[in-house]
Each structure stands twice: as structure tokens, then as C-alpha cells.
Amino acid sequence: MCRLSHQYLILFIAGMLVFGIACGETENGENQPPGGDTAEVHGQLEGESEFEGKVVTAFEVTSDGSAEVVSEDEAEVEADGSYSLFIDLELYSGGDVYVEAEREDDNSSQGSVLVEGSIEAGASIDTAPITVETTFETDTYLEARQSGDWDDDNCTTADHRSYASAEAAAEARASADYQSEVEAFSRASASAMKASAEYLMEAEGKARADLESSFEARSEARAQLDADLLAESTDSEGAFEAYLEAAAQARSEIDLDTEAKARDAQASAEAFVAASAEMSADVRTKAQARAETKREYFVSAAVDAKLETLEAGSEVRSNVESAASDLRGELQAAGDVSAQASAWADFKAAVEGELEADTQMVLDELESAFAAYASAMAAVDASSSAEVIAGDCLAAYLDLWASAESELGALSDVPGMLDDDTAIEALVYLMVHLELAAGLAASG
């Protein structure tokens, strides 16, 4: 009799365990998805002192910028601000996803964050903590979708987010017209991404598959950086620097050399700065600082490569590297756009001061080309669509480089110019990069 009761007891316990797991709880008492294929998203709500009554929901964004719920249910934010929620893959159709935090009692938004990484069955995805910066990234992304500026072929959330900064987001939030700032920033970001993609295809001969491969690599890098941010193993600026390194590596993997990377960076920076004219002065200064810092990362590398070609000594290259470091700091600390222009002018002067060649002779030879470029850029309408801005900026940009390359032969015949054609090319390309950066910032 006791033996039979023992068997029944075992069956009862086993049945209760199965029932508990089926109802969404593991043997350890942890929450589980109620059923079906899901992906789990982890995150953190920051900037709050009290998290009670806050909930998070996951939304998938359609092509027109509208949002549809894809989480199985809203999830409560824990007392420490952390959260976990499940994306129902039966509701998810493969688009971009963001998580939004709300007050449960009145549904007022508390912030949002874009989700990077592969959303697939069994995936566990860490998002960046929800901050003013991530909310600005989401708001401007949604605006680009809704306005029609977003282009899935040429725009990615990872690259879009690289143009935002905590400082620009804070200035936008403090603005009297936040929505206008969102609209202007979204247009600038989309213009920059389009100009980059179009440059790579038109000037560097890259195929669509090359771009997609590069985009995927950058998205994976961004996903890892979000996980690092959540784990507090890096900060926002550290993540930005790491993303630049990952973006450079992704471009190397599609066979872009240092010069091509710099030209790509210049193309995107020019489009961003041209479009940023619609932002308020404070937001524009902070937004342009980020765009100029991205430009500096790639242009400085190209300058160093050109110095190597010109057989500059180690002391010269070290001095220029130090000047580039100063430039980065000055760009980030600049109180207005004119201060950014001055920072680039100082860097240009520092490089010229280290060169033995007659740089002014090169600039004199290219004077008409730069004048034509400046005139074309001045005519760019910052209120146009991102497609028009990118197209107009890129046309002027490619014309400038074509003019510079057409002058190479003429410069080789100028008395006092370098004798070696390779050295002349390096000097010309170096000066075009420096003049572009200094001249474009000044035009703002």
C-alpha cells in the first residue's frame, strides 16, 4: 500500500512540474514565454529615480514608419530599472524593432531604444540602456521613415545611430520645438547615409552585395556595443569610438583602401553638414561635432598614408598625429560651428607646416575647382528631401575630385613641384582632403 502511494506521489510531483513549466515558469521559478517561437530582449531604463508603474513594449516598424506591437505582452520594469520581454515571432515580419517604456497609468512615453541584432527563435538580445540619446535616435529614425527619407537599400539603424550623440539629443530635448529638430536631424542623417552608399557604388564601383555585407558587419558590431553598454563595460563615447573602428574594418572587408574610406567619409560628412542648416544653432553645433569627428577619423588616416608616400619622417608623422588628437578634442569642445571650422583650419596649417613641398602651389592650381564646388554647395537646399540633398552634394563632390585628378598632369610640369608622379598625386589628394574639411566647416 505504501509502495503504491509512493508511486502516485512521484506521478503527482512530475505532473505539477510539467504544469508549472507549461504555465510559464521553470523549475527554478523563472519566467518563460508561454509558447511559440520567441526572442528575448533585455534592457535598462535610465534617468529615473522611481521605476514602479513603468512597462515596456516592443514594436516593429513598417516601411511608412507606423508601429505594430510584436511583444507577447507588455513587461514590467523591475525596481532597479531592468526589464526583459519576449518578441512573438508569429507577429514579427522581419523589420526594425524598438522598445518603448511607458507609465502604465497614463501611457506617457518614458523613452525608447532601437534593437540591433538578429531577431530569431531562441535569441537573447541586449539593448542599449534607454536614455535621452537612444530616444532621440528612435524618434529621428521614425521621422525618417514617416517622411519618406529613409531608404532600406542605403540606410541602416546602426549608421543612423552613429550620427547621434548624448549632447545633440540633450540640446534637441531642450529646444522650444523638439519636433523640428527631429525632422532636421533625420533628414541630415538620411542624406549622409545615402551620399555614402551612392559614392561607393558610383565612384568606387561597389556592388549592392558589397554594401549589404558592410551593413551587416556594422549592425553586428553595433549589437555587441549595445550589449557592452548594458553591461556597463563601456560608455556612450567609448561605444562611438569602437563603432568607428568596426566601420573601418567593415569597409576594409569590401576592399576599400585608406583613401577610398576617407573619400567616402568626406562625401557623407558634406551631405550631413549641408542638411544640418535646418537645425537650431545649438543642436547643429553638437550634431555637426559628431559628423566632423567621424570625418576626422578617416581623413587623419588618409593624411598619414599620404605622408608616408611623401616619405615624411617619423617626427613629422608624430607631430601630425598629435595635431589630429588636438583636432578631435577641439571639434568636440567647440561652442559653435565657426569654432569647428577654426579647428580644421588649425589642423590644415599644422600639416602644411610639416611639409617641405609647396602646398600653396597645389591650392592655387585647384582654386577654380574649389570655387565651383563652394558655389554648388551653397546652392544646396537643406529643406529638400534627403535624396535631393545627397544627390546635389555628391554631384558637386565628384566634380571636385574629377577636377583635382585632371590637374595631376599639369602640376607635374610646374617648376618647383615634386618630380615623382606618385608623390604629386599624394600631395594633391592630401590637400584636397584638408581643404574640403576646413572649407566645408567654414561654409556652415
Protein backbone atom coordinates (compact mmCIF):
# COMPACT_ATOMS: atom_id res chain seq x y z
CA MET A 1 0.00 0.00 0.00
CA CYS A 2 2.82 2.39 0.93
CA ARG A 3 4.66 1.44 -2.21
CA LEU A 4 1.63 2.35 -4.36
CA SER A 5 1.20 5.68 -2.60
CA HIS A 6 4.85 6.49 -3.24
CA GLN A 7 4.35 5.87 -6.97
CA TYR A 8 1.31 8.14 -7.01
CA LEU A 9 3.29 10.83 -5.20
CA ILE A 10 6.05 10.72 -7.83
CA LEU A 11 3.50 10.98 -10.63
CA PHE A 12 1.80 13.90 -8.88
CA ILE A 13 5.05 15.85 -8.45
CA ALA A 14 6.04 15.23 -12.06
CA GLY A 15 2.64 16.41 -13.24
CA MET A 16 2.91 19.61 -11.21
CA LEU A 17 6.35 20.34 -12.67
CA VAL A 18 5.05 19.93 -16.20
CA PHE A 19 2.05 22.11 -15.36
CA GLY A 20 4.29 24.81 -13.89
CA ILE A 21 6.57 24.89 -16.93
CA ALA A 22 3.63 24.91 -19.31
CA CYS A 23 2.14 27.88 -17.49
CA GLY A 24 5.30 29.94 -17.97
CA GLU A 25 7.53 29.02 -15.07
CA THR A 26 10.66 26.89 -14.91
CA GLU A 27 11.67 24.55 -12.13
CA ASN A 28 13.69 27.48 -10.76
CA GLY A 29 10.67 29.79 -10.84
CA GLU A 30 11.96 31.98 -13.70
CA ASN A 31 9.53 33.47 -16.21
CA GLN A 32 9.29 31.72 -19.57
CA PRO A 33 7.47 32.57 -22.79
CA PRO A 34 4.00 30.99 -22.74
CA GLY A 35 4.57 29.19 -26.03
CA GLY A 36 5.61 29.52 -29.67
CA ASP A 37 8.84 30.88 -31.13
CA THR A 38 10.12 33.97 -29.37
CA ALA A 39 13.22 36.13 -28.98
CA GLU A 40 14.02 37.66 -25.60
CA VAL A 41 15.10 41.28 -25.25
CA HIS A 42 16.91 42.64 -22.19
CA GLY A 43 17.42 46.28 -21.34
CA GLN A 44 17.56 49.01 -18.76
CA LEU A 45 15.59 52.21 -18.20
CA GLU A 46 17.87 55.02 -17.03
CA GLY A 47 17.43 58.59 -15.89
CA GLU A 48 14.65 57.75 -13.44
CA SER A 49 14.62 57.59 -9.64
CA GLU A 50 11.43 55.57 -9.45
CA PHE A 51 10.59 52.68 -11.79
CA GLU A 52 7.36 51.47 -10.24
CA GLY A 53 4.48 51.56 -12.70
CA LYS A 54 6.74 51.58 -15.78
CA VAL A 55 6.22 48.99 -18.52
CA VAL A 56 7.97 48.23 -21.83
CA THR A 57 6.58 47.08 -25.17
CA ALA A 58 8.32 46.02 -28.40
CA PHE A 59 7.18 47.47 -31.73
CA GLU A 60 8.07 46.55 -35.29
CA VAL A 61 8.33 49.48 -37.71
CA THR A 62 6.72 49.25 -41.14
CA SER A 63 8.07 50.91 -44.27
CA ASP A 64 5.92 54.02 -43.71
CA GLY A 65 7.06 54.48 -40.12
CA SER A 66 3.96 53.15 -38.41
CA ALA A 67 4.49 50.76 -35.49
CA GLU A 68 2.90 47.43 -34.64
CA VAL A 69 3.19 45.59 -31.34
CA VAL A 70 5.27 42.42 -31.60
CA SER A 71 5.86 41.61 -27.93
CA GLU A 72 3.58 38.96 -26.46
CA ASP A 73 2.65 41.35 -23.69
CA GLU A 74 3.98 44.48 -22.06
CA ALA A 75 6.59 43.71 -19.43
CA GLU A 76 7.04 45.45 -16.11
CA VAL A 77 10.21 47.35 -15.39
CA GLU A 78 11.93 45.97 -12.30
CA ALA A 79 12.76 48.04 -9.24
CA ASP A 80 16.33 48.57 -10.50
CA GLY A 81 15.15 49.72 -13.94
CA SER A 82 15.94 46.48 -15.77
CA TYR A 83 13.48 44.67 -17.98
CA SER A 84 13.04 41.57 -20.14
CA LEU A 85 10.34 40.96 -22.70
CA PHE A 86 9.60 38.46 -25.42
CA ILE A 87 9.07 39.19 -29.12
CA ASP A 88 6.49 36.88 -30.63
CA LEU A 89 7.93 35.72 -33.95
CA GLU A 90 4.45 34.93 -35.24
CA LEU A 91 3.79 38.68 -35.06
CA TYR A 92 7.22 39.72 -36.33
CA SER A 93 7.79 40.05 -40.10
CA GLY A 94 11.50 40.94 -40.28
CA GLY A 95 11.55 44.73 -39.90
CA ASP A 96 13.32 47.05 -37.50
CA VAL A 97 12.21 46.87 -33.87
CA TYR A 98 12.29 49.32 -30.99
CA VAL A 99 11.35 49.05 -27.33
CA GLU A 100 9.33 51.82 -25.71
CA ALA A 101 8.93 52.42 -21.98
CA GLU A 102 5.69 53.95 -20.71
CA ARG A 103 3.94 54.81 -17.49
CA GLU A 104 1.29 52.15 -17.04
CA ASP A 105 -1.29 54.54 -15.58
CA ASP A 106 -1.36 57.13 -18.38
CA ASN A 107 0.67 55.53 -21.24
CA SER A 108 3.05 58.51 -21.33
CA SER A 109 6.32 57.66 -23.04
CA GLN A 110 9.40 57.33 -20.83
CA GLY A 111 11.88 56.71 -23.64
CA SER A 112 12.78 54.20 -26.32
CA VAL A 113 15.67 52.31 -27.90
CA LEU A 114 16.28 50.66 -31.26
CA VAL A 115 17.01 46.93 -31.14
CA GLU A 116 20.08 45.71 -33.02
CA GLY A 117 20.97 42.09 -33.74
CA SER A 118 19.22 39.09 -35.26
CA ILE A 119 15.68 38.59 -34.02
CA GLU A 120 15.14 34.86 -34.34
CA ALA A 121 13.80 31.94 -32.36
CA GLY A 122 15.67 31.49 -29.10
CA ALA A 123 17.73 34.67 -29.49
CA SER A 124 18.66 36.67 -26.40
CA ILE A 125 19.32 40.31 -27.31
CA ASP A 126 20.79 43.04 -25.10
CA THR A 127 19.76 46.58 -25.98
CA ALA A 128 21.50 49.78 -25.02
CA PRO A 129 20.04 51.39 -21.87
CA ILE A 130 17.11 53.69 -22.63
CA THR A 131 18.34 57.29 -22.37
CA VAL A 132 17.63 60.70 -23.90
CA GLU A 133 20.16 59.78 -26.60
CA THR A 134 18.56 56.44 -27.57
CA THR A 135 15.12 58.08 -27.54
CA PHE A 136 16.38 60.76 -29.93
CA GLU A 137 17.83 58.03 -32.15
CA THR A 138 14.45 56.29 -32.25
CA ASP A 139 12.43 59.46 -32.79
CA THR A 140 14.64 60.62 -35.68
CA TYR A 141 14.62 57.15 -37.22
CA LEU A 142 10.82 57.01 -37.13
CA GLU A 143 10.63 60.52 -38.61
CA ALA A 144 12.92 59.50 -41.49
CA ARG A 145 10.60 56.57 -42.17
CA GLN A 146 7.45 58.65 -41.98
CA SER A 147 8.81 61.47 -44.15
CA GLY A 148 9.97 59.07 -46.86
CA ASP A 149 13.65 60.00 -46.42
CA TRP A 150 14.58 56.52 -45.19
CA ASP A 151 15.81 54.10 -47.82
CA ASP A 152 16.26 50.46 -46.80
CA ASP A 153 18.84 49.95 -49.55
CA ASN A 154 21.14 52.69 -48.27
CA CYS A 155 20.18 53.42 -44.66
CA THR A 156 20.71 51.33 -41.52
CA THR A 157 19.81 51.90 -37.89
CA ALA A 158 23.43 51.23 -36.88
CA ASP A 159 24.81 54.01 -39.10
CA HIS A 160 21.94 56.35 -38.27
CA ARG A 161 22.69 55.99 -34.57
CA SER A 162 26.37 56.82 -35.15
CA TYR A 163 25.37 60.39 -36.07
CA ALA A 164 23.53 60.97 -32.79
CA SER A 165 25.23 61.93 -29.56
CA ALA A 166 24.11 62.50 -25.99
CA GLU A 167 24.94 66.20 -26.37
CA ALA A 168 22.91 66.69 -29.55
CA ALA A 169 20.00 64.76 -28.05
CA ALA A 170 20.04 66.89 -24.90
CA GLU A 171 20.09 70.11 -26.92
CA ALA A 172 17.20 68.87 -29.06
CA ARG A 173 15.20 67.91 -25.98
CA ALA A 174 15.78 71.38 -24.50
CA SER A 175 14.72 73.08 -27.73
CA ALA A 176 11.48 75.00 -27.92
CA ASP A 177 10.49 72.89 -30.94
CA TYR A 178 11.70 69.33 -30.44
CA GLN A 179 9.81 68.02 -33.47
CA SER A 180 11.51 70.47 -35.82
CA GLU A 181 14.89 69.33 -34.51
CA VAL A 182 13.88 65.71 -35.05
CA GLU A 183 12.84 66.43 -38.62
CA ALA A 184 16.05 68.30 -39.47
CA PHE A 185 18.33 65.72 -37.87
CA SER A 186 16.57 62.79 -39.52
CA ARG A 187 16.98 64.46 -42.92
CA ALA A 188 20.68 65.12 -42.30
CA SER A 189 21.37 61.55 -41.19
CA ALA A 190 19.50 60.05 -44.15
CA SER A 191 21.28 62.44 -46.54
CA ALA A 192 24.67 61.37 -45.19
CA MET A 193 23.90 57.65 -45.45
CA LYS A 194 22.56 58.00 -48.98
CA ALA A 195 25.55 60.05 -50.10
CA SER A 196 27.91 57.41 -48.72
CA ALA A 197 26.16 54.49 -50.39
CA GLU A 198 25.85 56.29 -53.71
CA TYR A 199 29.50 57.32 -53.59
CA LEU A 200 30.63 53.74 -53.00
CA MET A 201 28.61 52.44 -55.93
CA GLU A 202 29.26 55.28 -58.37
CA ALA A 203 32.88 56.19 -57.62
CA GLU A 204 34.31 53.01 -56.12
CA GLY A 205 32.35 50.55 -58.26
CA LYS A 206 30.93 48.61 -55.33
CA ALA A 207 28.00 46.27 -55.93
CA ARG A 208 24.84 46.18 -53.86
CA ALA A 209 26.06 42.91 -52.32
CA ASP A 210 29.20 44.68 -51.10
CA LEU A 211 27.16 47.33 -49.36
CA GLU A 212 24.87 44.75 -47.77
CA SER A 213 27.88 42.82 -46.47
CA SER A 214 29.33 46.00 -44.96
CA PHE A 215 25.98 46.98 -43.45
CA GLU A 216 25.60 43.57 -41.83
CA ALA A 217 29.07 43.75 -40.28
CA ARG A 218 28.35 47.20 -38.85
CA SER A 219 25.00 46.07 -37.48
CA GLU A 220 26.64 43.14 -35.72
CA ALA A 221 29.23 45.47 -34.24
CA ARG A 222 26.53 47.85 -33.04
CA ALA A 223 24.65 44.96 -31.41
CA GLN A 224 27.76 43.97 -29.47
CA LEU A 225 28.34 47.56 -28.39
CA ASP A 226 24.77 47.76 -27.12
CA ALA A 227 25.43 44.66 -25.04
CA ASP A 228 28.60 46.30 -23.71
CA LEU A 229 26.64 49.43 -22.83
CA LEU A 230 24.07 47.37 -20.96
CA ALA A 231 26.83 45.54 -19.10
CA GLU A 232 28.43 48.93 -18.33
CA SER A 233 31.73 47.77 -19.84
CA THR A 234 31.83 50.92 -21.99
CA ASP A 235 30.17 54.34 -22.16
CA SER A 236 28.50 56.22 -24.99
CA GLU A 237 31.71 57.83 -26.27
CA GLY A 238 33.60 54.56 -25.96
CA ALA A 239 30.90 52.83 -27.98
CA PHE A 240 31.16 55.53 -30.65
CA GLU A 241 34.93 55.10 -30.96
CA ALA A 242 34.55 51.32 -31.13
CA TYR A 243 31.88 51.70 -33.81
CA LEU A 244 34.22 53.83 -35.95
CA GLU A 245 36.83 51.08 -35.73
CA ALA A 246 34.25 48.45 -36.67
CA ALA A 247 33.01 50.60 -39.56
CA ALA A 248 36.57 50.99 -40.83
CA GLN A 249 37.09 47.24 -40.67
CA ALA A 250 33.78 46.59 -42.44
CA ARG A 251 34.92 48.87 -45.27
CA SER A 252 38.27 47.09 -45.46
CA GLU A 253 36.42 43.82 -45.93
CA ILE A 254 34.87 45.15 -49.15
CA ASP A 255 38.32 46.18 -50.40
CA LEU A 256 38.29 49.89 -49.66
CA ASP A 257 41.74 51.30 -49.03
CA THR A 258 42.53 54.24 -46.75
CA GLU A 259 42.00 56.81 -49.50
CA ALA A 260 38.63 55.37 -50.51
CA LYS A 261 37.49 55.27 -46.89
CA ALA A 262 38.40 58.94 -46.48
CA ARG A 263 36.58 59.96 -49.65
CA ASP A 264 33.52 58.03 -48.51
CA ALA A 265 33.67 59.75 -45.11
CA GLN A 266 34.02 63.15 -46.77
CA ALA A 267 31.01 62.50 -49.01
CA SER A 268 28.77 61.60 -46.09
CA ALA A 269 30.05 64.40 -43.85
CA GLU A 270 29.43 67.01 -46.53
CA ALA A 271 25.87 65.88 -47.03
CA PHE A 272 25.20 65.83 -43.29
CA VAL A 273 26.62 69.31 -42.72
CA ALA A 274 24.77 70.75 -45.72
CA ALA A 275 21.47 69.34 -44.44
CA SER A 276 22.13 70.43 -40.85
CA ALA A 277 21.41 74.08 -41.76
CA GLU A 278 17.76 73.46 -40.80
CA MET A 279 18.68 72.68 -37.18
CA SER A 280 18.79 75.32 -34.45
CA ALA A 281 22.28 76.66 -33.74
CA ASP A 282 22.81 74.70 -30.51
CA VAL A 283 21.62 71.39 -31.91
CA ARG A 284 23.54 71.93 -35.12
CA THR A 285 26.79 72.56 -33.25
CA LYS A 286 26.53 69.31 -31.30
CA ALA A 287 25.26 67.26 -34.24
CA GLN A 288 27.91 68.59 -36.58
CA ALA A 289 30.60 67.89 -33.96
CA ARG A 290 29.76 64.20 -34.19
CA ALA A 291 29.73 64.26 -38.00
CA GLU A 292 33.05 66.12 -38.08
CA THR A 293 34.59 63.68 -35.61
CA LYS A 294 33.59 60.81 -37.90
CA ARG A 295 35.16 62.68 -40.82
CA GLU A 296 38.36 63.29 -38.84
CA TYR A 297 38.77 59.60 -38.02
CA PHE A 298 39.06 58.62 -41.67
CA VAL A 299 40.69 61.78 -43.05
CA SER A 300 43.50 61.67 -40.47
CA ALA A 301 44.27 58.11 -41.51
CA ALA A 302 44.42 59.20 -45.15
CA VAL A 303 46.68 62.15 -44.29
CA ASP A 304 49.10 59.82 -42.51
CA ALA A 305 49.11 57.47 -45.51
CA LYS A 306 49.90 60.37 -47.81
CA LEU A 307 52.73 61.50 -45.54
CA GLU A 308 54.16 58.02 -45.74
CA THR A 309 54.02 58.15 -49.55
CA LEU A 310 55.77 61.53 -49.41
CA GLU A 311 58.46 59.86 -47.30
CA ALA A 312 57.86 62.11 -44.32
CA GLY A 313 60.00 61.24 -41.31
CA SER A 314 58.74 59.71 -38.10
CA GLU A 315 58.94 63.05 -36.28
CA VAL A 316 56.74 64.72 -38.91
CA ARG A 317 54.15 61.96 -38.75
CA SER A 318 54.20 62.04 -34.96
CA ASN A 319 53.64 65.81 -34.97
CA VAL A 320 50.69 65.45 -37.36
CA GLU A 321 49.24 62.66 -35.24
CA SER A 322 49.43 64.95 -32.22
CA ALA A 323 47.70 67.70 -34.21
CA ALA A 324 44.95 65.25 -35.15
CA SER A 325 44.43 64.42 -31.49
CA ASP A 326 44.10 68.13 -30.74
CA LEU A 327 41.63 68.45 -33.60
CA ARG A 328 39.37 65.74 -32.14
CA GLY A 329 39.27 67.48 -28.80
CA GLU A 330 38.59 70.88 -30.35
CA LEU A 331 35.79 69.55 -32.53
CA GLN A 332 34.01 68.04 -29.55
CA ALA A 333 34.52 71.09 -27.33
CA ALA A 334 33.64 73.70 -29.98
CA GLY A 335 30.97 76.12 -28.85
CA ASP A 336 29.72 76.81 -32.35
CA VAL A 337 30.19 75.82 -35.98
CA SER A 338 32.78 78.53 -36.62
CA ALA A 339 34.96 77.06 -33.86
CA GLN A 340 34.83 73.73 -35.65
CA ALA A 341 35.99 75.45 -38.83
CA SER A 342 38.85 77.04 -36.89
CA ALA A 343 39.85 73.61 -35.53
CA TRP A 344 40.08 72.18 -39.04
CA ALA A 345 41.99 75.27 -40.23
CA ASP A 346 44.50 74.79 -37.40
CA PHE A 347 44.99 71.15 -38.35
CA LYS A 348 45.44 72.07 -42.01
CA ALA A 349 48.05 74.67 -41.06
CA ALA A 350 49.84 72.16 -38.83
CA VAL A 351 50.10 69.65 -41.66
CA GLU A 352 51.25 72.26 -44.17
CA GLY A 353 53.88 73.42 -41.72
CA GLU A 354 55.38 69.93 -41.63
CA LEU A 355 55.58 69.56 -45.42
CA GLU A 356 58.56 70.60 -47.48
CA ALA A 357 56.53 70.76 -50.70
CA ASP A 358 54.84 73.95 -51.85
CA THR A 359 51.24 73.28 -50.80
CA GLN A 360 50.08 76.74 -51.85
CA MET A 361 51.06 75.92 -55.42
CA VAL A 362 48.61 73.00 -55.36
CA LEU A 363 45.84 75.14 -53.88
CA ASP A 364 46.44 77.84 -56.49
CA GLU A 365 46.17 75.28 -59.28
CA LEU A 366 42.87 73.98 -57.86
CA GLU A 367 41.43 77.38 -56.96
CA SER A 368 38.77 77.40 -59.69
CA ALA A 369 37.72 73.84 -58.86
CA PHE A 370 37.22 74.75 -55.20
CA ALA A 371 35.32 77.89 -56.15
CA ALA A 372 32.95 75.87 -58.34
CA TYR A 373 32.49 73.37 -55.55
CA ALA A 374 31.73 76.07 -52.96
CA SER A 375 29.18 77.64 -55.29
CA ALA A 376 27.44 74.30 -55.88
CA MET A 377 27.32 73.53 -52.16
CA ALA A 378 25.92 76.97 -51.36
CA ALA A 379 23.02 76.20 -53.70
CA VAL A 380 22.02 73.01 -51.82
CA ASP A 381 18.57 73.43 -50.29
CA ALA A 382 18.64 71.96 -46.77
CA SER A 383 14.84 71.78 -46.72
CA SER A 384 14.78 69.40 -49.70
CA SER A 385 14.37 65.66 -49.35
CA ALA A 386 17.35 63.58 -48.25
CA GLU A 387 17.54 62.08 -51.74
CA VAL A 388 17.85 65.52 -53.36
CA ILE A 389 20.39 66.77 -50.80
CA ALA A 390 22.54 63.66 -51.16
CA GLY A 391 22.36 63.82 -54.95
CA ASP A 392 23.25 67.51 -55.18
CA CYS A 393 26.13 67.21 -52.69
CA LEU A 394 27.53 64.10 -54.31
CA ALA A 395 27.42 65.63 -57.81
CA ALA A 396 29.46 68.63 -56.61
CA TYR A 397 31.81 66.36 -54.69
CA LEU A 398 32.56 64.06 -57.60
CA ASP A 399 33.10 67.05 -59.90
CA LEU A 400 35.68 68.41 -57.45
CA TRP A 401 37.63 65.16 -57.36
CA ALA A 402 37.46 64.85 -61.13
CA SER A 403 38.89 68.37 -61.46
CA ALA A 404 41.66 67.56 -58.99
CA GLU A 405 42.63 64.41 -60.82
CA SER A 406 42.61 66.21 -64.16
CA GLU A 407 45.20 68.66 -62.79
CA LEU A 408 47.73 65.97 -61.86
CA GLY A 409 49.42 66.06 -65.25
CA ALA A 410 49.57 69.86 -65.32
CA LEU A 411 51.09 70.00 -61.85
CA SER A 412 53.89 67.68 -62.85
CA ASP A 413 55.05 70.37 -65.31
CA VAL A 414 55.01 73.21 -62.76
CA PRO A 415 58.54 74.39 -61.86
CA GLY A 416 59.42 73.53 -58.28
CA MET A 417 56.78 70.84 -57.99
CA LEU A 418 57.69 67.32 -56.90
CA ASP A 419 59.33 65.21 -59.60
CA ASP A 420 57.63 61.91 -58.81
CA ASP A 421 54.07 61.46 -60.14
CA THR A 422 53.10 59.28 -57.18
CA ALA A 423 54.28 61.96 -54.76
CA ILE A 424 52.39 64.66 -56.68
CA GLU A 425 49.23 62.57 -56.50
CA ALA A 426 49.68 62.05 -52.76
CA LEU A 427 50.19 65.77 -52.17
CA VAL A 428 47.19 66.76 -54.26
CA TYR A 429 44.89 64.25 -52.57
CA LEU A 430 46.14 65.32 -49.15
CA MET A 431 45.45 68.99 -49.85
CA VAL A 432 42.01 68.30 -51.30
CA HIS A 433 41.04 66.41 -48.14
CA LEU A 434 42.26 69.20 -45.89
CA GLU A 435 40.70 71.99 -47.93
CA LEU A 436 37.39 70.12 -48.11
CA ALA A 437 37.22 69.65 -44.36
CA ALA A 438 38.28 73.20 -43.49
CA GLY A 439 36.25 74.80 -46.27
CA LEU A 440 33.07 72.86 -45.61
CA ALA A 441 33.06 73.58 -41.90
CA ALA A 442 33.65 77.25 -42.68
CA SER A 443 30.69 77.30 -45.06
CA GLY A 444 28.41 76.42 -42.17
